[in-house]
Amino acid sequence: MKLFVTGGAGFIGSNFVRMVIENSLLGLEGAEVTVFDALTYSGTLSNLESVAGSDRFTFVKGDIRDTDAVADALADHDAVVHFAAESHVDRSVTDSRIFVETNVLGTQTLLDQALRLGTPRFVHVSTDEVYGSIDEGSWDEREPLLPNSPYAASKAASDLLVRSYFVTHGLNTSITRCSNNYGTHHFPEKLIPLFITNLLDSKAVPLYGDGQNIRDWLHVDDHCRGIALVLNQGRPGEIYNIGGGTELSNTELTQLLLDALGKDETFITRVADRKGHDRRYSVDIGKISRELGYSPQVSFAEGLAAVVDWYTNHRAWWEPLKARSAL
């Protein structure tokens, strides 16, 4: 199998690529990978150093909005796994244009070229944020889309485009919607890596509002295992939620990070809440579990400890990224 992985130099995409090349994903052993990435601020080739020498790996620098570049690079691939997206909610609140251009128009460009070239499979990686906020219970895949941030709205729009290409054109698409990912190589603007790296430098961590926003945490390895299942076994036109099963308030998560790094609550700085900040996310993973046999394998305690250890020992990776982005 020959995979075309967009956004493969980013956090989740690069983890997927490394797992494919290392033959760690069931059903994708021996697969070849072409990474197509524009290397914007959050994508870096350092995420792919461990696989760059493989004869099953190819990197193409390109923008998913560029029709000619996509057409040239996508030819002769068996599947698209589409990670590429602008994904930072705070940035979408201050300037949403690039989110619409990349997440909507970029996805439309990929769909058009996959259809034109007869690409056999297209997996679109989305987010639970398209559902909005839920006070109790969990969303299944039949829930309406009620996004509350410009980022989530752009992802919801791209989801609908993907569905339309299945219904209208018969393109063999599937959509995955994940909960909050954590793991190594996570760009340090996101909560867990930002808090870890700040605390390693004895800097305060910014906690939004009352700290009671709740998220379900999913280890990136488990997410990639779920995507591989959908790629190989998912039904055409279907949506699959992928969750980790660990719900924590931001206050609870912050305390775990303080404890892990030997800091106390004096390192917390309360900041004004984000506009449109969703209170709680929670996805029902019953469908992917029943149909494809998915279950998360990495316990949160084990996963978080490994992530703290990785950032502690990889300053050379994250310090330049924080300096470059003025985080």
Protein backbone atom coordinates (compact mmCIF):
# COMPACT_ATOMS: atom_id res chain seq x y z
CA MET A 1 0.00 0.00 0.00
CA LYS A 2 1.17 3.51 -0.81
CA LEU A 3 -0.10 6.21 1.55
CA PHE A 4 -0.35 9.95 0.90
CA VAL A 5 -0.21 11.59 4.32
CA THR A 6 -1.01 15.30 4.47
CA GLY A 7 0.32 17.22 7.45
CA GLY A 8 2.73 14.37 8.12
CA ALA A 9 5.33 16.66 9.70
CA GLY A 10 2.93 17.80 12.41
CA PHE A 11 2.19 16.23 15.76
CA ILE A 12 -0.37 13.52 15.00
CA GLY A 13 0.61 13.05 11.37
CA SER A 14 4.29 12.47 12.12
CA ASN A 15 3.40 9.99 14.84
CA PHE A 16 1.26 8.09 12.32
CA VAL A 17 4.10 8.12 9.79
CA ARG A 18 6.67 6.89 12.30
CA MET A 19 4.36 4.07 13.37
CA VAL A 20 3.76 3.03 9.75
CA ILE A 21 7.46 2.98 8.87
CA GLU A 22 8.22 1.12 12.12
CA ASN A 23 5.51 -1.45 11.20
CA SER A 24 3.63 -0.67 14.42
CA LEU A 25 0.17 -0.32 12.85
CA LEU A 26 -1.80 -3.47 12.14
CA GLY A 27 -2.60 -3.87 8.47
CA LEU A 28 -0.10 -1.25 7.31
CA GLU A 29 3.08 -3.30 7.65
CA GLY A 30 5.40 -2.59 4.75
CA ALA A 31 3.37 0.37 3.50
CA GLU A 32 5.13 3.20 1.68
CA VAL A 33 4.49 6.77 2.83
CA THR A 34 4.60 10.09 1.03
CA VAL A 35 4.38 13.00 3.45
CA PHE A 36 2.91 16.15 1.90
CA ASP A 37 3.38 19.13 4.21
CA ALA A 38 3.78 22.88 3.80
CA LEU A 39 6.00 23.10 6.92
CA THR A 40 4.12 26.00 8.43
CA TYR A 41 4.96 27.06 11.97
CA SER A 42 3.82 23.83 13.68
CA GLY A 43 5.23 21.33 11.17
CA THR A 44 8.90 20.45 11.38
CA LEU A 45 11.11 17.91 9.64
CA SER A 46 12.71 17.10 12.98
CA ASN A 47 9.54 15.10 13.72
CA LEU A 48 10.50 12.75 10.88
CA GLU A 49 14.24 12.38 11.47
CA SER A 50 13.92 8.80 12.73
CA VAL A 51 12.31 7.61 9.46
CA ALA A 52 13.86 9.95 6.92
CA GLY A 53 16.39 7.32 5.82
CA SER A 54 13.81 4.66 5.05
CA ASP A 55 13.36 3.62 1.42
CA ARG A 56 9.61 3.51 2.17
CA PHE A 57 9.50 7.22 3.05
CA THR A 58 9.26 10.25 0.75
CA PHE A 59 8.79 13.89 1.71
CA VAL A 60 7.19 16.49 -0.57
CA LYS A 61 6.93 20.09 0.54
CA GLY A 62 3.59 21.40 -0.66
CA ASP A 63 0.41 23.23 0.26
CA ILE A 64 -2.91 21.35 0.15
CA ARG A 65 -4.51 24.44 -1.41
CA ASP A 66 -2.18 24.16 -4.43
CA THR A 67 -4.02 22.10 -7.05
CA ASP A 68 -1.01 21.44 -9.27
CA ALA A 69 1.24 20.44 -6.38
CA VAL A 70 -1.39 18.08 -4.97
CA ALA A 71 -2.08 16.55 -8.39
CA ASP A 72 1.61 15.91 -9.08
CA ALA A 73 2.32 14.38 -5.68
CA LEU A 74 -0.88 12.34 -5.24
CA ALA A 75 -0.74 10.31 -8.45
CA ASP A 76 -0.32 6.53 -7.99
CA HIS A 77 -1.20 6.42 -4.29
CA ASP A 78 -3.65 3.95 -2.78
CA ALA A 79 -5.00 6.13 0.02
CA VAL A 80 -5.03 9.66 1.38
CA VAL A 81 -4.78 10.07 5.15
CA HIS A 82 -5.62 13.73 5.65
CA PHE A 83 -4.19 15.29 8.82
CA ALA A 84 -3.20 18.71 7.45
CA ALA A 85 -5.08 21.50 9.21
CA GLU A 86 -4.75 24.74 11.07
CA SER A 87 -5.74 23.56 14.53
CA HIS A 88 -5.04 26.09 17.29
CA VAL A 89 -8.33 27.47 18.60
CA ASP A 90 -6.87 30.66 20.07
CA ARG A 91 -5.35 31.59 16.71
CA SER A 92 -8.70 31.01 14.98
CA VAL A 93 -10.41 33.43 17.36
CA THR A 94 -8.05 36.27 16.43
CA ASP A 95 -7.80 35.49 12.67
CA SER A 96 -9.97 32.81 11.11
CA ARG A 97 -9.12 33.32 7.42
CA ILE A 98 -6.23 30.83 7.23
CA PHE A 99 -8.41 28.24 8.99
CA VAL A 100 -11.08 28.52 6.29
CA GLU A 101 -8.52 28.55 3.50
CA THR A 102 -6.54 25.55 4.74
CA ASN A 103 -9.18 23.41 6.41
CA VAL A 104 -12.01 23.95 3.91
CA LEU A 105 -10.45 24.91 0.57
CA GLY A 106 -7.46 22.64 1.17
CA THR A 107 -9.72 19.68 1.85
CA GLN A 108 -11.78 20.47 -1.23
CA THR A 109 -8.60 20.51 -3.35
CA LEU A 110 -7.56 17.11 -2.01
CA LEU A 111 -11.01 15.64 -2.61
CA ASP A 112 -11.11 16.95 -6.17
CA GLN A 113 -7.73 15.49 -7.03
CA ALA A 114 -8.41 12.17 -5.32
CA LEU A 115 -11.60 11.90 -7.36
CA ARG A 116 -9.88 12.90 -10.61
CA LEU A 117 -7.00 10.46 -10.07
CA GLY A 118 -9.20 7.60 -8.90
CA THR A 119 -7.52 7.33 -5.49
CA PRO A 120 -9.11 4.24 -3.91
CA ARG A 121 -9.39 5.46 -0.27
CA PHE A 122 -9.66 8.78 1.58
CA VAL A 123 -9.58 9.06 5.39
CA HIS A 124 -10.28 12.52 6.80
CA VAL A 125 -9.01 13.16 10.33
CA SER A 126 -11.33 15.51 12.22
CA THR A 127 -12.09 16.47 15.82
CA ASP A 128 -14.73 16.12 18.51
CA GLU A 129 -14.89 19.93 18.61
CA VAL A 130 -17.26 19.89 15.62
CA TYR A 131 -20.01 18.69 18.00
CA GLY A 132 -19.80 21.77 20.21
CA SER A 133 -20.11 21.33 23.99
CA ILE A 134 -21.95 18.71 26.01
CA ASP A 135 -22.85 19.02 29.71
CA GLU A 136 -23.40 15.32 30.36
CA GLY A 137 -23.32 12.06 28.46
CA SER A 138 -21.29 11.50 25.29
CA TRP A 139 -21.75 12.24 21.59
CA ASP A 140 -22.16 9.44 19.11
CA GLU A 141 -21.61 9.89 15.39
CA ARG A 142 -25.28 10.78 14.74
CA GLU A 143 -25.10 14.03 16.74
CA PRO A 144 -25.61 17.30 14.83
CA LEU A 145 -22.61 19.52 14.22
CA LEU A 146 -22.73 22.61 16.46
CA PRO A 147 -19.20 24.08 16.39
CA ASN A 148 -18.53 27.06 18.64
CA SER A 149 -15.12 28.33 17.47
CA PRO A 150 -13.95 29.37 14.00
CA TYR A 151 -11.50 26.44 14.07
CA ALA A 152 -14.24 23.94 14.87
CA ALA A 153 -16.52 25.49 12.26
CA SER A 154 -13.84 25.10 9.59
CA LYS A 155 -13.37 21.44 10.53
CA ALA A 156 -17.12 20.85 10.50
CA ALA A 157 -17.28 22.37 7.01
CA SER A 158 -14.51 20.09 5.81
CA ASP A 159 -16.32 17.07 7.30
CA LEU A 160 -19.43 17.96 5.32
CA LEU A 161 -17.42 18.32 2.13
CA VAL A 162 -15.93 14.86 2.63
CA ARG A 163 -19.37 13.37 3.18
CA SER A 164 -20.67 15.09 0.06
CA TYR A 165 -17.96 13.55 -2.12
CA PHE A 166 -19.00 10.11 -0.89
CA VAL A 167 -22.69 10.72 -1.54
CA THR A 168 -22.34 12.66 -4.81
CA HIS A 169 -19.32 11.02 -6.41
CA GLY A 170 -18.95 7.69 -4.63
CA LEU A 171 -15.46 8.52 -3.38
CA ASN A 172 -14.49 5.94 -0.76
CA THR A 173 -14.21 8.25 2.25
CA SER A 174 -14.30 7.81 6.02
CA ILE A 175 -14.15 10.48 8.73
CA THR A 176 -12.57 10.10 12.17
CA ARG A 177 -13.32 12.47 15.06
CA CYS A 178 -10.86 12.32 17.93
CA SER A 179 -10.78 13.69 21.44
CA ASN A 180 -7.82 15.72 22.78
CA ASN A 181 -4.51 14.10 21.83
CA TYR A 182 -1.34 14.09 23.89
CA GLY A 183 2.06 12.56 23.28
CA THR A 184 5.62 13.34 22.19
CA HIS A 185 6.48 15.82 19.42
CA HIS A 186 3.43 17.93 20.33
CA PHE A 187 3.93 21.57 19.33
CA PRO A 188 4.43 23.57 22.56
CA GLU A 189 1.52 25.96 22.13
CA LYS A 190 -0.95 23.27 23.23
CA LEU A 191 -1.86 22.81 26.89
CA ILE A 192 0.16 19.76 27.96
CA PRO A 193 3.46 20.57 26.20
CA LEU A 194 3.14 24.28 27.02
CA PHE A 195 2.63 23.58 30.70
CA ILE A 196 5.39 20.97 30.86
CA THR A 197 7.97 23.17 29.12
CA ASN A 198 7.01 26.24 31.16
CA LEU A 199 7.36 24.29 34.40
CA LEU A 200 10.70 22.84 33.30
CA ASP A 201 11.87 26.46 33.03
CA SER A 202 10.20 27.38 36.36
CA LYS A 203 7.70 29.61 34.57
CA ALA A 204 4.03 30.00 35.43
CA VAL A 205 1.32 28.17 33.50
CA PRO A 206 -1.75 30.05 32.20
CA LEU A 207 -5.02 28.43 33.33
CA TYR A 208 -8.15 29.65 31.56
CA GLY A 209 -11.13 30.89 33.56
CA ASP A 210 -12.21 28.72 36.47
CA GLY A 211 -10.25 25.71 35.15
CA GLN A 212 -13.34 23.49 35.06
CA ASN A 213 -13.42 22.89 31.30
CA ILE A 214 -13.37 19.11 30.80
CA ARG A 215 -11.62 17.18 28.05
CA ASP A 216 -11.25 13.49 27.18
CA TRP A 217 -7.55 12.69 26.72
CA LEU A 218 -6.36 10.28 24.02
CA HIS A 219 -2.77 9.14 23.60
CA VAL A 220 -1.59 9.84 20.07
CA ASP A 221 -0.49 6.22 19.60
CA ASP A 222 -4.03 5.04 20.35
CA HIS A 223 -5.40 7.63 17.95
CA CYS A 224 -3.12 6.37 15.19
CA ARG A 225 -4.16 2.78 15.88
CA GLY A 226 -7.77 3.86 15.50
CA ILE A 227 -7.05 5.64 12.21
CA ALA A 228 -5.32 2.53 10.86
CA LEU A 229 -8.38 0.44 11.73
CA VAL A 230 -10.65 2.89 9.91
CA LEU A 231 -8.33 3.02 6.91
CA ASN A 232 -8.25 -0.76 6.58
CA GLN A 233 -11.71 -1.81 7.76
CA GLY A 234 -13.93 1.27 8.03
CA ARG A 235 -17.12 1.31 6.00
CA PRO A 236 -17.26 3.80 3.12
CA GLY A 237 -19.06 7.01 4.00
CA GLU A 238 -19.00 6.34 7.74
CA ILE A 239 -17.85 8.46 10.68
CA TYR A 240 -15.94 6.98 13.63
CA ASN A 241 -15.30 8.66 16.99
CA ILE A 242 -11.92 7.86 18.57
CA GLY A 243 -11.55 8.61 22.28
CA GLY A 244 -9.19 7.85 25.13
CA GLY A 245 -11.60 7.41 28.03
CA THR A 246 -9.88 9.76 30.49
CA GLU A 247 -11.93 12.87 31.30
CA LEU A 248 -10.20 15.55 33.35
CA SER A 249 -10.89 19.16 34.15
CA ASN A 250 -8.10 21.55 33.21
CA THR A 251 -7.54 22.13 36.93
CA GLU A 252 -7.12 18.40 37.54
CA LEU A 253 -4.72 18.07 34.61
CA THR A 254 -2.72 21.08 35.75
CA GLN A 255 -2.34 19.58 39.22
CA LEU A 256 -1.06 16.31 37.73
CA LEU A 257 1.56 18.24 35.76
CA LEU A 258 2.58 20.30 38.79
CA ASP A 259 3.01 17.12 40.81
CA ALA A 260 5.00 15.41 38.03
CA LEU A 261 7.43 18.33 37.83
CA GLY A 262 7.72 19.07 41.54
CA LYS A 263 5.94 22.42 41.45
CA ASP A 264 3.11 23.85 43.54
CA GLU A 265 0.01 25.96 42.83
CA THR A 266 1.98 29.22 43.02
CA PHE A 267 3.02 28.40 39.43
CA ILE A 268 -0.57 28.81 38.22
CA THR A 269 -1.56 32.13 36.65
CA ARG A 270 -5.29 32.62 36.14
CA VAL A 271 -6.09 34.20 32.77
CA ALA A 272 -9.32 35.40 31.19
CA ASP A 273 -11.30 32.62 29.60
CA ARG A 274 -11.18 32.12 25.83
CA LYS A 275 -14.13 33.43 23.83
CA GLY A 276 -16.57 30.65 23.02
CA HIS A 277 -14.65 28.20 25.22
CA ASP A 278 -16.48 24.85 25.15
CA ARG A 279 -17.20 23.50 28.62
CA ARG A 280 -16.95 19.77 28.05
CA TYR A 281 -16.18 17.30 25.26
CA SER A 282 -16.98 13.59 25.45
CA VAL A 283 -17.20 11.10 22.58
CA ASP A 284 -18.93 7.73 22.54
CA ILE A 285 -16.52 5.18 21.03
CA GLY A 286 -19.02 2.35 20.90
CA LYS A 287 -19.21 2.28 17.11
CA ILE A 288 -15.49 1.90 16.40
CA SER A 289 -15.20 -0.58 19.26
CA ARG A 290 -18.05 -2.78 18.02
CA GLU A 291 -17.26 -2.62 14.32
CA LEU A 292 -13.46 -2.48 14.27
CA GLY A 293 -12.35 -3.77 17.68
CA TYR A 294 -10.82 -0.49 18.85
CA SER A 295 -9.93 0.15 22.48
CA PRO A 296 -7.33 2.54 23.94
CA GLN A 297 -4.17 0.75 25.01
CA VAL A 298 -2.16 3.46 26.79
CA SER A 299 -3.25 4.34 30.33
CA PHE A 300 -3.25 8.07 31.02
CA ALA A 301 -0.90 7.73 34.00
CA GLU A 302 1.63 5.81 31.94
CA GLY A 303 1.27 8.05 28.91
CA LEU A 304 1.57 11.32 30.81
CA ALA A 305 4.67 10.15 32.68
CA ALA A 306 6.33 9.21 29.38
CA VAL A 307 5.45 12.58 27.86
CA VAL A 308 6.89 14.50 30.81
CA ASP A 309 10.06 12.43 30.54
CA TRP A 310 10.31 13.04 26.78
CA TYR A 311 10.05 16.84 27.07
CA THR A 312 12.49 16.80 29.98
CA ASN A 313 15.06 15.07 27.79
CA HIS A 314 14.37 16.80 24.46
CA ARG A 315 15.02 20.48 25.04
CA ALA A 316 16.83 20.63 21.71
CA TRP A 317 13.52 19.84 20.03
CA TRP A 318 11.16 22.21 21.83
CA GLU A 319 13.29 25.21 22.79
CA PRO A 320 13.75 26.47 19.20
CA LEU A 321 10.02 26.03 18.53
CA LYS A 322 9.06 28.07 21.57
CA ALA A 323 11.58 30.77 20.71
CA ARG A 324 10.39 30.91 17.10
CA SER A 325 6.75 31.24 18.11
CA ALA A 326 7.38 33.51 21.12
CA LEU A 327 5.53 31.11 23.43
